[in-house]
Amino acid sequence: MTLKRVRSGERLRIPADAYNAFIEASQAFHDKGIDLGREVSRGRRPGGNVVPVRNDSGADQDRFAVLGIDVPIFGPGDNLQEFQNRPAFKGIAPAAADHLGRFVILLGPAKKGTAGPPPTAGAIVPGLVAGVTPVRVDVQAEGDGFADVADGMTGHLKSGPSGAAQILWKEAGIGVKWAVVRVGLPFVETGFWAKLSYASSSPAFVELERDATTVKEGGRTGNALEVNGVEDIPADTVVWVWPVPGSDPAEWRFAHEKGGVFPITLSYDGGSAGSETTQASWTYTVTDALSEVELGTTVDPTAGVHKWVRPTVGVMLAATFGYAHRNAAGDFVIGWINEVADQEACA
């Protein structure tokens, strides 16, 4: 069917096919365009990333409040069709033990229910379960890249090295700050490298001096419990620390195997390659290859506690990699490095 435009002054004759097309287009606009406009005007975002949430927290909630997901308003046994067509949840004050990774960000203010008479239910508003949104975050450390629920708090999330919300941007500083986050990530426990600030004589809590990946900037401090029951862990030992989910205040754990071998990287900072008549004398800046923490400078791998043995004469190429371990005193001991003789092919 071809629709033709009508000029001013011409007699209007509308074929049945054209008239029916106008009706169908109008109905389609009403069913989709108008309803979509209403959804957007009310703060709703079309799609499965937004669900209706009823405020069952017992308090009025502002826009961008954080509620823990409780149970569906209508379960499959209450109204199967409603449950299948439009899942909706009761939202309550989040508990860290129950709602890590299971929360919504309210996209509008929501009044609490009242006891009556007559009793009224809390307001139902759109809640974001996946996507990008502004929200307040209680920032624990400047370097935190994730956030999740804060126990009992509806006004903000709480930052950490792990969580179901990735921080895309936040205001500078520590404390409750505005941020833009991406919610809906699977909750994954992560951790960080840290130095122990004092020796542990028993398998008890040990203070963490700083995040070893941000030594120059300072980083976090706190306590961590060794989980293997290892005693006499030397100060300045570098360990991998992870959070205990739901702990408030935050608790941390680490595992330590005494005397374990670990990789190191080396960069020569002094000495010489040697010659046909003299011994090489390379010294190195040594770094833990896993945590990237510097272990020492101008280190002679053949002196003191170290175990590397060089040829008495000959040109040696400087090392770049090796292995070390900790002795009973807590000193790192170089056992092997890839320092090799400079050889030429026979003519």
C-alpha atoms as a PDB file:
ATOM      1  CA  MET A   1       0.000   0.000   0.000  1.00  0.00           C
ATOM      2  CA  THR A   2       1.264   3.500  -0.967  1.00  0.00           C
ATOM      3  CA  LEU A   3       0.211   6.504   1.159  1.00  0.00           C
ATOM      4  CA  LYS A   4       0.002   9.861  -0.695  1.00  0.00           C
ATOM      5  CA  ARG A   5       0.230  13.296   0.896  1.00  0.00           C
ATOM      6  CA  VAL A   6      -2.689  15.733   0.463  1.00  0.00           C
ATOM      7  CA  ARG A   7      -2.240  19.376  -0.586  1.00  0.00           C
ATOM      8  CA  SER A   8      -4.123  22.259   1.012  1.00  0.00           C
ATOM      9  CA  GLY A   9      -7.510  22.745  -0.690  1.00  0.00           C
ATOM     10  CA  GLU A  10      -7.718  19.252  -2.141  1.00  0.00           C
ATOM     11  CA  ARG A  11     -10.708  17.065  -1.339  1.00  0.00           C
ATOM     12  CA  LEU A  12      -9.727  14.501   1.306  1.00  0.00           C
ATOM     13  CA  ARG A  13     -10.467  10.914   0.431  1.00  0.00           C
ATOM     14  CA  ILE A  14      -9.077   8.281   2.814  1.00  0.00           C
ATOM     15  CA  PRO A  15      -8.920   4.695   1.516  1.00  0.00           C
ATOM     16  CA  ALA A  16      -9.834   2.016   4.005  1.00  0.00           C
ATOM     17  CA  ASP A  17      -6.282   0.563   3.977  1.00  0.00           C
ATOM     18  CA  ALA A  18      -4.791   3.970   4.815  1.00  0.00           C
ATOM     19  CA  TYR A  19      -7.286   4.619   7.603  1.00  0.00           C
ATOM     20  CA  ASN A  20      -6.608   1.211   9.156  1.00  0.00           C
ATOM     21  CA  ALA A  21      -2.842   1.865   8.993  1.00  0.00           C
ATOM     22  CA  PHE A  22      -3.334   5.127  10.915  1.00  0.00           C
ATOM     23  CA  ILE A  23      -5.322   3.275  13.583  1.00  0.00           C
ATOM     24  CA  GLU A  24      -2.680   0.550  13.950  1.00  0.00           C
ATOM     25  CA  ALA A  25       0.144   3.088  14.205  1.00  0.00           C
ATOM     26  CA  SER A  26      -1.760   5.063  16.828  1.00  0.00           C
ATOM     27  CA  GLN A  27      -2.452   1.929  18.864  1.00  0.00           C
ATOM     28  CA  ALA A  28       1.195   0.824  18.679  1.00  0.00           C
ATOM     29  CA  PHE A  29       2.354   4.251  19.859  1.00  0.00           C
ATOM     30  CA  HIS A  30      -0.092   4.157  22.747  1.00  0.00           C
ATOM     31  CA  ASP A  31       0.898   0.642  23.810  1.00  0.00           C
ATOM     32  CA  LYS A  32       4.655   1.193  23.605  1.00  0.00           C
ATOM     33  CA  GLY A  33       5.655   4.816  23.279  1.00  0.00           C
ATOM     34  CA  ILE A  34       3.276   6.288  25.846  1.00  0.00           C
ATOM     35  CA  ASP A  35       3.859   3.557  28.411  1.00  0.00           C
ATOM     36  CA  LEU A  36       7.625   3.813  27.920  1.00  0.00           C
ATOM     37  CA  GLY A  37       7.452   7.569  28.420  1.00  0.00           C
ATOM     38  CA  ARG A  38       5.562   7.096  31.664  1.00  0.00           C
ATOM     39  CA  GLU A  39       8.108   4.578  32.895  1.00  0.00           C
ATOM     40  CA  VAL A  40      11.007   6.955  32.195  1.00  0.00           C
ATOM     41  CA  SER A  41       9.202   9.959  33.702  1.00  0.00           C
ATOM     42  CA  ARG A  42       8.731   8.001  36.940  1.00  0.00           C
ATOM     43  CA  GLY A  43      12.430   7.153  37.142  1.00  0.00           C
ATOM     44  CA  ARG A  44      12.005   3.588  35.848  1.00  0.00           C
ATOM     45  CA  ARG A  45      14.508   2.103  33.451  1.00  0.00           C
ATOM     46  CA  PRO A  46      13.052  -0.429  30.983  1.00  0.00           C
ATOM     47  CA  GLY A  47      14.514  -3.929  31.049  1.00  0.00           C
ATOM     48  CA  GLY A  48      15.408  -6.586  33.600  1.00  0.00           C
ATOM     49  CA  ASN A  49      17.986  -4.387  35.370  1.00  0.00           C
ATOM     50  CA  VAL A  50      15.218  -2.569  37.261  1.00  0.00           C
ATOM     51  CA  VAL A  51      12.622  -4.286  39.454  1.00  0.00           C
ATOM     52  CA  PRO A  52       9.777  -2.989  41.654  1.00  0.00           C
ATOM     53  CA  VAL A  53      10.831  -2.885  45.312  1.00  0.00           C
ATOM     54  CA  ARG A  54       8.556  -2.379  48.317  1.00  0.00           C
ATOM     55  CA  ASN A  55      10.030  -0.473  51.221  1.00  0.00           C
ATOM     56  CA  ASP A  56       9.747  -2.875  54.170  1.00  0.00           C
ATOM     57  CA  SER A  57      12.701  -1.332  56.025  1.00  0.00           C
ATOM     58  CA  GLY A  58      10.515   0.425  58.622  1.00  0.00           C
ATOM     59  CA  ALA A  59      11.844   3.884  57.717  1.00  0.00           C
ATOM     60  CA  ASP A  60      11.333   6.393  54.920  1.00  0.00           C
ATOM     61  CA  GLN A  61      14.020   6.017  52.263  1.00  0.00           C
ATOM     62  CA  ASP A  62      15.513   8.624  49.946  1.00  0.00           C
ATOM     63  CA  ARG A  63      16.362   8.203  46.308  1.00  0.00           C
ATOM     64  CA  PHE A  64      19.567   6.152  45.892  1.00  0.00           C
ATOM     65  CA  ALA A  65      19.028   4.404  49.230  1.00  0.00           C
ATOM     66  CA  VAL A  66      20.375   0.849  49.568  1.00  0.00           C
ATOM     67  CA  LEU A  67      18.019  -1.968  50.557  1.00  0.00           C
ATOM     68  CA  GLY A  68      18.748  -5.656  50.946  1.00  0.00           C
ATOM     69  CA  ILE A  69      16.676  -7.997  48.780  1.00  0.00           C
ATOM     70  CA  ASP A  70      14.310 -10.021  50.983  1.00  0.00           C
ATOM     71  CA  VAL A  71      11.632 -12.170  49.291  1.00  0.00           C
ATOM     72  CA  PRO A  72       9.289 -11.631  46.312  1.00  0.00           C
ATOM     73  CA  ILE A  73       6.146  -9.612  46.998  1.00  0.00           C
ATOM     74  CA  PHE A  74       4.261 -12.253  45.015  1.00  0.00           C
ATOM     75  CA  GLY A  75       5.781 -15.718  44.983  1.00  0.00           C
ATOM     76  CA  PRO A  76       4.846 -18.409  42.473  1.00  0.00           C
ATOM     77  CA  GLY A  77       2.355 -19.787  44.995  1.00  0.00           C
ATOM     78  CA  ASP A  78       0.654 -16.394  45.442  1.00  0.00           C
ATOM     79  CA  ASN A  79       0.246 -15.256  41.843  1.00  0.00           C
ATOM     80  CA  LEU A  80       2.172 -17.279  39.282  1.00  0.00           C
ATOM     81  CA  GLN A  81       1.388 -14.981  36.346  1.00  0.00           C
ATOM     82  CA  GLU A  82       2.484 -11.841  38.227  1.00  0.00           C
ATOM     83  CA  PHE A  83       5.609 -13.632  39.458  1.00  0.00           C
ATOM     84  CA  GLN A  84       6.534 -14.652  35.908  1.00  0.00           C
ATOM     85  CA  ASN A  85       5.673 -11.357  34.220  1.00  0.00           C
ATOM     86  CA  ARG A  86       7.052  -8.855  36.703  1.00  0.00           C
ATOM     87  CA  PRO A  87       9.221 -10.035  39.614  1.00  0.00           C
ATOM     88  CA  ALA A  88       8.974  -7.626  42.540  1.00  0.00           C
ATOM     89  CA  PHE A  89      10.780  -7.758  45.875  1.00  0.00           C
ATOM     90  CA  LYS A  90      10.466  -6.655  49.470  1.00  0.00           C
ATOM     91  CA  GLY A  91      13.408  -4.449  50.447  1.00  0.00           C
ATOM     92  CA  ILE A  92      14.754  -4.358  54.006  1.00  0.00           C
ATOM     93  CA  ALA A  93      17.693  -2.811  55.848  1.00  0.00           C
ATOM     94  CA  PRO A  94      20.762  -4.698  54.593  1.00  0.00           C
ATOM     95  CA  ALA A  95      22.612  -7.145  56.830  1.00  0.00           C
ATOM     96  CA  ALA A  96      26.178  -7.952  55.847  1.00  0.00           C
ATOM     97  CA  ALA A  97      25.665 -11.606  56.728  1.00  0.00           C
ATOM     98  CA  ASP A  98      22.732 -11.964  54.325  1.00  0.00           C
ATOM     99  CA  HIS A  99      22.935  -9.304  51.624  1.00  0.00           C
ATOM    100  CA  LEU A 100      26.475  -9.149  50.256  1.00  0.00           C
ATOM    101  CA  GLY A 101      25.823  -8.960  46.511  1.00  0.00           C
ATOM    102  CA  ARG A 102      22.038  -9.053  47.117  1.00  0.00           C
ATOM    103  CA  PHE A 103      20.891  -5.443  47.233  1.00  0.00           C
ATOM    104  CA  VAL A 104      19.068  -2.785  45.198  1.00  0.00           C
ATOM    105  CA  ILE A 105      19.597   0.941  44.735  1.00  0.00           C
ATOM    106  CA  LEU A 106      16.274   2.787  44.914  1.00  0.00           C
ATOM    107  CA  LEU A 107      15.622   5.050  41.925  1.00  0.00           C
ATOM    108  CA  GLY A 108      13.037   7.096  43.793  1.00  0.00           C
ATOM    109  CA  PRO A 109      12.075   8.008  47.377  1.00  0.00           C
ATOM    110  CA  ALA A 110       9.935   5.458  49.214  1.00  0.00           C
ATOM    111  CA  LYS A 111       7.687   6.037  52.225  1.00  0.00           C
ATOM    112  CA  LYS A 112       7.573   3.435  54.976  1.00  0.00           C
ATOM    113  CA  GLY A 113       4.458   1.458  55.811  1.00  0.00           C
ATOM    114  CA  THR A 114       2.220   2.463  58.697  1.00  0.00           C
ATOM    115  CA  ALA A 115       0.577   0.477  61.464  1.00  0.00           C
ATOM    116  CA  GLY A 116      -2.778   2.235  60.892  1.00  0.00           C
ATOM    117  CA  PRO A 117      -5.608   2.117  61.364  1.00  0.00           C
ATOM    118  CA  PRO A 118      -5.859   1.143  58.632  1.00  0.00           C
ATOM    119  CA  PRO A 119      -2.333  -0.331  58.151  1.00  0.00           C
ATOM    120  CA  THR A 120      -0.552   0.532  54.912  1.00  0.00           C
ATOM    121  CA  ALA A 121       2.331  -1.152  53.120  1.00  0.00           C
ATOM    122  CA  GLY A 122       5.522   0.646  52.224  1.00  0.00           C
ATOM    123  CA  ALA A 123       5.745   2.419  48.889  1.00  0.00           C
ATOM    124  CA  ILE A 124       6.765   0.431  45.813  1.00  0.00           C
ATOM    125  CA  VAL A 125       9.442   2.145  43.700  1.00  0.00           C
ATOM    126  CA  PRO A 126      11.889   1.065  40.965  1.00  0.00           C
ATOM    127  CA  GLY A 127      15.127  -0.479  42.245  1.00  0.00           C
ATOM    128  CA  LEU A 128      18.319  -0.997  40.249  1.00  0.00           C
ATOM    129  CA  VAL A 129      19.801  -4.492  40.540  1.00  0.00           C
ATOM    130  CA  ALA A 130      22.289  -4.219  37.659  1.00  0.00           C
ATOM    131  CA  GLY A 131      23.721  -1.222  35.840  1.00  0.00           C
ATOM    132  CA  VAL A 132      25.375   2.139  36.469  1.00  0.00           C
ATOM    133  CA  THR A 133      24.022   4.573  39.068  1.00  0.00           C
ATOM    134  CA  PRO A 134      25.043   7.274  41.528  1.00  0.00           C
ATOM    135  CA  VAL A 135      25.120   6.196  45.181  1.00  0.00           C
ATOM    136  CA  ARG A 136      26.850   7.208  48.395  1.00  0.00           C
ATOM    137  CA  VAL A 137      29.790   5.054  49.479  1.00  0.00           C
ATOM    138  CA  ASP A 138      31.533   4.982  52.862  1.00  0.00           C
ATOM    139  CA  VAL A 139      35.122   4.992  51.559  1.00  0.00           C
ATOM    140  CA  GLN A 140      37.473   3.023  53.828  1.00  0.00           C
ATOM    141  CA  ALA A 141      40.668   3.505  51.788  1.00  0.00           C
ATOM    142  CA  GLU A 142      41.437   5.701  48.779  1.00  0.00           C
ATOM    143  CA  GLY A 143      42.569   2.696  46.748  1.00  0.00           C
ATOM    144  CA  ASP A 144      39.369   0.672  47.200  1.00  0.00           C
ATOM    145  CA  GLY A 145      37.826  -0.234  43.846  1.00  0.00           C
ATOM    146  CA  PHE A 146      34.639  -2.010  44.959  1.00  0.00           C
ATOM    147  CA  ALA A 147      31.751  -1.628  47.387  1.00  0.00           C
ATOM    148  CA  ASP A 148      28.964  -3.674  48.947  1.00  0.00           C
ATOM    149  CA  VAL A 149      26.357  -3.318  51.664  1.00  0.00           C
ATOM    150  CA  ALA A 150      27.216  -1.735  55.012  1.00  0.00           C
ATOM    151  CA  ASP A 151      25.673  -3.682  57.878  1.00  0.00           C
ATOM    152  CA  GLY A 152      22.355  -2.088  58.872  1.00  0.00           C
ATOM    153  CA  MET A 153      22.928   1.041  56.747  1.00  0.00           C
ATOM    154  CA  THR A 154      20.504   2.130  54.011  1.00  0.00           C
ATOM    155  CA  GLY A 155      22.123   5.470  53.215  1.00  0.00           C
ATOM    156  CA  HIS A 156      25.268   4.167  51.583  1.00  0.00           C
ATOM    157  CA  LEU A 157      27.441   1.253  50.500  1.00  0.00           C
ATOM    158  CA  LYS A 158      30.829   0.459  52.070  1.00  0.00           C
ATOM    159  CA  SER A 159      34.047   0.306  50.037  1.00  0.00           C
ATOM    160  CA  GLY A 160      36.620  -2.467  50.099  1.00  0.00           C
ATOM    161  CA  PRO A 161      38.972  -4.500  47.913  1.00  0.00           C
ATOM    162  CA  SER A 162      36.000  -6.648  46.845  1.00  0.00           C
ATOM    163  CA  GLY A 163      32.260  -6.335  46.447  1.00  0.00           C
ATOM    164  CA  ALA A 164      29.308  -6.566  44.054  1.00  0.00           C
ATOM    165  CA  ALA A 165      29.558  -2.904  42.986  1.00  0.00           C
ATOM    166  CA  GLN A 166      32.547  -1.622  41.023  1.00  0.00           C
ATOM    167  CA  ILE A 167      33.448   1.984  41.793  1.00  0.00           C
ATOM    168  CA  LEU A 168      33.764   3.817  38.475  1.00  0.00           C
ATOM    169  CA  TRP A 169      34.300   7.242  40.078  1.00  0.00           C
ATOM    170  CA  LYS A 170      34.123   8.735  43.552  1.00  0.00           C
ATOM    171  CA  GLU A 171      34.769  11.967  45.379  1.00  0.00           C
ATOM    172  CA  ALA A 172      38.226  12.289  46.898  1.00  0.00           C
ATOM    173  CA  GLY A 173      38.800  11.488  50.545  1.00  0.00           C
ATOM    174  CA  ILE A 174      37.766   9.039  53.251  1.00  0.00           C
ATOM    175  CA  GLY A 175      34.244   8.724  54.653  1.00  0.00           C
ATOM    176  CA  VAL A 176      30.794   8.868  53.047  1.00  0.00           C
ATOM    177  CA  LYS A 177      31.233  10.217  49.508  1.00  0.00           C
ATOM    178  CA  TRP A 178      29.180  10.374  46.342  1.00  0.00           C
ATOM    179  CA  ALA A 179      30.270   7.837  43.750  1.00  0.00           C
ATOM    180  CA  VAL A 180      29.208   6.309  40.456  1.00  0.00           C
ATOM    181  CA  VAL A 181      29.146   2.511  40.621  1.00  0.00           C
ATOM    182  CA  ARG A 182      28.303  -0.440  38.423  1.00  0.00           C
ATOM    183  CA  VAL A 183      26.134  -2.852  40.418  1.00  0.00           C
ATOM    184  CA  GLY A 184      25.235  -6.431  39.652  1.00  0.00           C
ATOM    185  CA  LEU A 185      28.743  -7.905  39.700  1.00  0.00           C
ATOM    186  CA  PRO A 186      29.156 -11.357  41.239  1.00  0.00           C
ATOM    187  CA  PHE A 187      30.599 -11.084  44.743  1.00  0.00           C
ATOM    188  CA  VAL A 188      34.216 -12.257  44.636  1.00  0.00           C
ATOM    189  CA  GLU A 189      36.597 -12.284  47.564  1.00  0.00           C
ATOM    190  CA  THR A 190      39.813 -10.502  46.666  1.00  0.00           C
ATOM    191  CA  GLY A 191      42.764  -9.311  48.694  1.00  0.00           C
ATOM    192  CA  PHE A 192      45.997  -7.388  48.697  1.00  0.00           C
ATOM    193  CA  TRP A 193      49.683  -7.730  49.500  1.00  0.00           C
ATOM    194  CA  ALA A 194      50.773  -6.385  52.895  1.00  0.00           C
ATOM    195  CA  LYS A 195      53.788  -6.315  55.196  1.00  0.00           C
ATOM    196  CA  LEU A 196      53.514  -7.468  58.797  1.00  0.00           C
ATOM    197  CA  SER A 197      54.633  -4.597  61.000  1.00  0.00           C
ATOM    198  CA  TYR A 198      55.852  -6.717  63.926  1.00  0.00           C
ATOM    199  CA  ALA A 199      56.844 -10.320  64.607  1.00  0.00           C
ATOM    200  CA  SER A 200      54.200 -12.797  65.726  1.00  0.00           C
ATOM    201  CA  SER A 201      55.217 -15.179  68.545  1.00  0.00           C
ATOM    202  CA  SER A 202      51.952 -17.120  68.329  1.00  0.00           C
ATOM    203  CA  PRO A 203      49.249 -17.764  65.718  1.00  0.00           C
ATOM    204  CA  ALA A 204      47.325 -14.643  66.716  1.00  0.00           C
ATOM    205  CA  PHE A 205      46.251 -11.377  65.119  1.00  0.00           C
ATOM    206  CA  VAL A 206      49.132  -9.511  63.507  1.00  0.00           C
ATOM    207  CA  GLU A 207      49.072  -5.842  62.548  1.00  0.00           C
ATOM    208  CA  LEU A 208      49.371  -5.003  58.860  1.00  0.00           C
ATOM    209  CA  GLU A 209      51.740  -2.126  58.310  1.00  0.00           C
ATOM    210  CA  ARG A 210      50.477  -1.073  54.875  1.00  0.00           C
ATOM    211  CA  ASP A 211      49.181  -2.254  51.555  1.00  0.00           C
ATOM    212  CA  ALA A 212      52.410  -3.430  49.957  1.00  0.00           C
ATOM    213  CA  THR A 213      51.238  -2.364  46.505  1.00  0.00           C
ATOM    214  CA  THR A 214      50.962   1.257  47.644  1.00  0.00           C
ATOM    215  CA  VAL A 215      53.943   1.549  49.968  1.00  0.00           C
ATOM    216  CA  LYS A 216      54.734   5.130  48.936  1.00  0.00           C
ATOM    217  CA  GLU A 217      51.161   6.317  49.482  1.00  0.00           C
ATOM    218  CA  GLY A 218      50.668   4.641  52.843  1.00  0.00           C
ATOM    219  CA  GLY A 219      47.681   2.363  52.351  1.00  0.00           C
ATOM    220  CA  ARG A 220      45.453   0.500  54.804  1.00  0.00           C
ATOM    221  CA  THR A 221      46.228  -0.700  58.303  1.00  0.00           C
ATOM    222  CA  GLY A 222      44.474  -3.331  60.391  1.00  0.00           C
ATOM    223  CA  ASN A 223      44.725  -6.801  61.874  1.00  0.00           C
ATOM    224  CA  ALA A 224      44.878 -10.165  60.150  1.00  0.00           C
ATOM    225  CA  LEU A 225      44.801 -13.707  61.520  1.00  0.00           C
ATOM    226  CA  GLU A 226      47.132 -16.391  60.159  1.00  0.00           C
ATOM    227  CA  VAL A 227      44.973 -19.421  59.313  1.00  0.00           C
ATOM    228  CA  ASN A 228      47.563 -22.221  59.360  1.00  0.00           C
ATOM    229  CA  GLY A 229      48.672 -21.799  62.986  1.00  0.00           C
ATOM    230  CA  VAL A 230      52.214 -20.806  61.988  1.00  0.00           C
ATOM    231  CA  GLU A 231      54.197 -19.208  64.837  1.00  0.00           C
ATOM    232  CA  ASP A 232      57.167 -16.825  64.923  1.00  0.00           C
ATOM    233  CA  ILE A 233      56.400 -15.032  61.658  1.00  0.00           C
ATOM    234  CA  PRO A 234      59.118 -12.374  61.194  1.00  0.00           C
ATOM    235  CA  ALA A 235      58.310  -8.687  60.918  1.00  0.00           C
ATOM    236  CA  ASP A 236      58.269  -7.275  57.367  1.00  0.00           C
ATOM    237  CA  THR A 237      57.126 -10.610  55.948  1.00  0.00           C
ATOM    238  CA  VAL A 238      54.998  -9.974  52.859  1.00  0.00           C
ATOM    239  CA  VAL A 239      51.719 -11.914  52.845  1.00  0.00           C
ATOM    240  CA  TRP A 240      48.526 -12.070  50.746  1.00  0.00           C
ATOM    241  CA  VAL A 241      45.570 -10.888  52.825  1.00  0.00           C
ATOM    242  CA  TRP A 242      41.865 -11.384  52.101  1.00  0.00           C
ATOM    243  CA  PRO A 243      38.697 -10.058  53.791  1.00  0.00           C
ATOM    244  CA  VAL A 244      36.210 -12.033  55.856  1.00  0.00           C
ATOM    245  CA  PRO A 245      32.834 -11.515  54.122  1.00  0.00           C
ATOM    246  CA  GLY A 246      30.292  -9.691  56.266  1.00  0.00           C
ATOM    247  CA  SER A 247      32.700  -8.742  59.064  1.00  0.00           C
ATOM    248  CA  ASP A 248      32.127  -5.315  60.624  1.00  0.00           C
ATOM    249  CA  PRO A 249      34.558  -4.007  61.648  1.00  0.00           C
ATOM    250  CA  ALA A 250      36.513  -5.610  58.832  1.00  0.00           C
ATOM    251  CA  GLU A 251      38.481  -8.773  59.624  1.00  0.00           C
ATOM    252  CA  TRP A 252      41.308 -10.147  57.503  1.00  0.00           C
ATOM    253  CA  ARG A 253      43.044 -13.492  57.078  1.00  0.00           C
ATOM    254  CA  PHE A 254      46.333 -14.675  55.587  1.00  0.00           C
ATOM    255  CA  ALA A 255      48.118 -17.974  55.114  1.00  0.00           C
ATOM    256  CA  HIS A 256      51.863 -18.349  55.736  1.00  0.00           C
ATOM    257  CA  GLU A 257      54.187 -21.243  55.001  1.00  0.00           C
ATOM    258  CA  LYS A 258      57.428 -20.766  56.867  1.00  0.00           C
ATOM    259  CA  GLY A 259      60.538 -21.031  54.748  1.00  0.00           C
ATOM    260  CA  GLY A 260      58.658 -21.212  51.452  1.00  0.00           C
ATOM    261  CA  VAL A 261      60.534 -20.350  48.245  1.00  0.00           C
ATOM    262  CA  PHE A 262      59.333 -17.301  46.320  1.00  0.00           C
ATOM    263  CA  PRO A 263      60.372 -15.691  43.006  1.00  0.00           C
ATOM    264  CA  ILE A 264      62.404 -12.491  42.858  1.00  0.00           C
ATOM    265  CA  THR A 265      63.357 -10.026  40.144  1.00  0.00           C
ATOM    266  CA  LEU A 266      66.783  -8.389  39.990  1.00  0.00           C
ATOM    267  CA  SER A 267      68.100  -5.190  38.425  1.00  0.00           C
ATOM    268  CA  TYR A 268      71.821  -4.558  38.622  1.00  0.00           C
ATOM    269  CA  ASP A 269      72.745  -1.346  40.435  1.00  0.00           C
ATOM    270  CA  GLY A 270      76.508  -1.702  40.863  1.00  0.00           C
ATOM    271  CA  GLY A 271      79.601  -3.820  40.368  1.00  0.00           C
ATOM    272  CA  SER A 272      81.013  -5.115  37.102  1.00  0.00           C
ATOM    273  CA  ALA A 273      80.799  -8.051  34.707  1.00  0.00           C
ATOM    274  CA  GLY A 274      84.304  -9.350  35.453  1.00  0.00           C
ATOM    275  CA  SER A 275      86.940 -10.374  32.912  1.00  0.00           C
ATOM    276  CA  GLU A 276      89.188 -13.230  31.870  1.00  0.00           C
ATOM    277  CA  THR A 277      91.300 -12.588  34.950  1.00  0.00           C
ATOM    278  CA  THR A 278      88.859 -11.108  37.478  1.00  0.00           C
ATOM    279  CA  GLN A 279      85.630 -12.203  39.132  1.00  0.00           C
ATOM    280  CA  ALA A 280      82.291 -10.510  38.415  1.00  0.00           C
ATOM    281  CA  SER A 281      80.952  -8.275  41.195  1.00  0.00           C
ATOM    282  CA  TRP A 282      77.366  -7.442  40.186  1.00  0.00           C
ATOM    283  CA  THR A 283      75.096  -6.066  42.938  1.00  0.00           C
ATOM    284  CA  TYR A 284      71.343  -5.858  42.589  1.00  0.00           C
ATOM    285  CA  THR A 285      68.125  -4.190  43.587  1.00  0.00           C
ATOM    286  CA  VAL A 286      65.978  -7.191  44.568  1.00  0.00           C
ATOM    287  CA  THR A 287      62.168  -7.204  44.421  1.00  0.00           C
ATOM    288  CA  ASP A 288      59.574  -9.807  45.409  1.00  0.00           C
ATOM    289  CA  ALA A 289      58.162 -10.834  42.010  1.00  0.00           C
ATOM    290  CA  LEU A 290      54.673 -11.520  43.394  1.00  0.00           C
ATOM    291  CA  SER A 291      54.016  -8.478  45.575  1.00  0.00           C
ATOM    292  CA  GLU A 292      56.452  -6.114  43.783  1.00  0.00           C
ATOM    293  CA  VAL A 293      57.820  -5.068  47.190  1.00  0.00           C
ATOM    294  CA  GLU A 294      61.492  -4.048  47.166  1.00  0.00           C
ATOM    295  CA  LEU A 295      63.563  -6.346  49.399  1.00  0.00           C
ATOM    296  CA  GLY A 296      66.937  -4.633  49.201  1.00  0.00           C
ATOM    297  CA  THR A 297      69.411  -2.573  47.186  1.00  0.00           C
ATOM    298  CA  THR A 298      73.132  -3.092  46.371  1.00  0.00           C
ATOM    299  CA  VAL A 299      72.608  -6.743  47.331  1.00  0.00           C
ATOM    300  CA  ASP A 300      75.602  -9.022  46.685  1.00  0.00           C
ATOM    301  CA  PRO A 301      74.057 -12.480  46.065  1.00  0.00           C
ATOM    302  CA  THR A 302      77.343 -14.175  47.076  1.00  0.00           C
ATOM    303  CA  ALA A 303      77.795 -12.402  50.421  1.00  0.00           C
ATOM    304  CA  GLY A 304      76.275 -12.722  53.896  1.00  0.00           C
ATOM    305  CA  VAL A 305      73.351 -15.128  54.162  1.00  0.00           C
ATOM    306  CA  HIS A 306      72.999 -15.528  50.386  1.00  0.00           C
ATOM    307  CA  LYS A 307      73.927 -18.800  48.672  1.00  0.00           C
ATOM    308  CA  TRP A 308      74.787 -17.879  45.074  1.00  0.00           C
ATOM    309  CA  VAL A 309      78.271 -18.964  43.923  1.00  0.00           C
ATOM    310  CA  ARG A 310      80.073 -17.285  40.990  1.00  0.00           C
ATOM    311  CA  PRO A 311      83.022 -18.529  38.936  1.00  0.00           C
ATOM    312  CA  THR A 312      86.302 -17.101  40.217  1.00  0.00           C
ATOM    313  CA  VAL A 313      87.036 -15.515  36.828  1.00  0.00           C
ATOM    314  CA  GLY A 314      85.110 -14.752  33.648  1.00  0.00           C
ATOM    315  CA  VAL A 315      82.603 -12.311  32.198  1.00  0.00           C
ATOM    316  CA  MET A 316      79.079 -12.760  33.658  1.00  0.00           C
ATOM    317  CA  LEU A 317      75.804 -11.431  32.269  1.00  0.00           C
ATOM    318  CA  ALA A 318      73.727  -9.643  34.936  1.00  0.00           C
ATOM    319  CA  ALA A 319      70.755 -11.552  36.370  1.00  0.00           C
ATOM    320  CA  THR A 320      67.112 -10.530  36.011  1.00  0.00           C
ATOM    321  CA  PHE A 321      65.307 -13.340  37.869  1.00  0.00           C
ATOM    322  CA  GLY A 322      65.835 -15.785  40.710  1.00  0.00           C
ATOM    323  CA  TYR A 323      64.437 -17.543  43.779  1.00  0.00           C
ATOM    324  CA  ALA A 324      64.780 -16.798  47.480  1.00  0.00           C
ATOM    325  CA  HIS A 325      63.439 -17.936  50.844  1.00  0.00           C
ATOM    326  CA  ARG A 326      63.256 -16.619  54.403  1.00  0.00           C
ATOM    327  CA  ASN A 327      65.567 -17.993  57.104  1.00  0.00           C
ATOM    328  CA  ALA A 328      64.677 -18.403  60.788  1.00  0.00           C
ATOM    329  CA  ALA A 329      65.677 -14.798  61.470  1.00  0.00           C
ATOM    330  CA  GLY A 330      63.340 -13.511  58.787  1.00  0.00           C
ATOM    331  CA  ASP A 331      66.093 -12.482  56.336  1.00  0.00           C
ATOM    332  CA  PHE A 332      65.489 -13.169  52.667  1.00  0.00           C
ATOM    333  CA  VAL A 333      68.112 -15.533  51.282  1.00  0.00           C
ATOM    334  CA  ILE A 334      68.961 -15.681  47.576  1.00  0.00           C
ATOM    335  CA  GLY A 335      69.383 -19.307  46.481  1.00  0.00           C
ATOM    336  CA  TRP A 336      69.520 -19.093  42.675  1.00  0.00           C
ATOM    337  CA  ILE A 337      69.643 -16.363  40.023  1.00  0.00           C
ATOM    338  CA  ASN A 338      69.933 -16.482  36.222  1.00  0.00           C
ATOM    339  CA  GLU A 339      73.401 -14.884  36.143  1.00  0.00           C
ATOM    340  CA  VAL A 340      75.323 -16.744  33.412  1.00  0.00           C
ATOM    341  CA  ALA A 341      78.741 -16.635  31.782  1.00  0.00           C
ATOM    342  CA  ASP A 342      79.057 -14.573  28.590  1.00  0.00           C
ATOM    343  CA  GLN A 343      80.164 -17.122  26.011  1.00  0.00           C
ATOM    344  CA  GLU A 344      81.095 -16.805  22.332  1.00  0.00           C
ATOM    345  CA  ALA A 345      80.690 -19.424  19.637  1.00  0.00           C
ATOM    346  CA  CYS A 346      83.898 -21.199  18.535  1.00  0.00           C
ATOM    347  CA  ALA A 347      85.310 -19.977  15.216  1.00  0.00           C
END
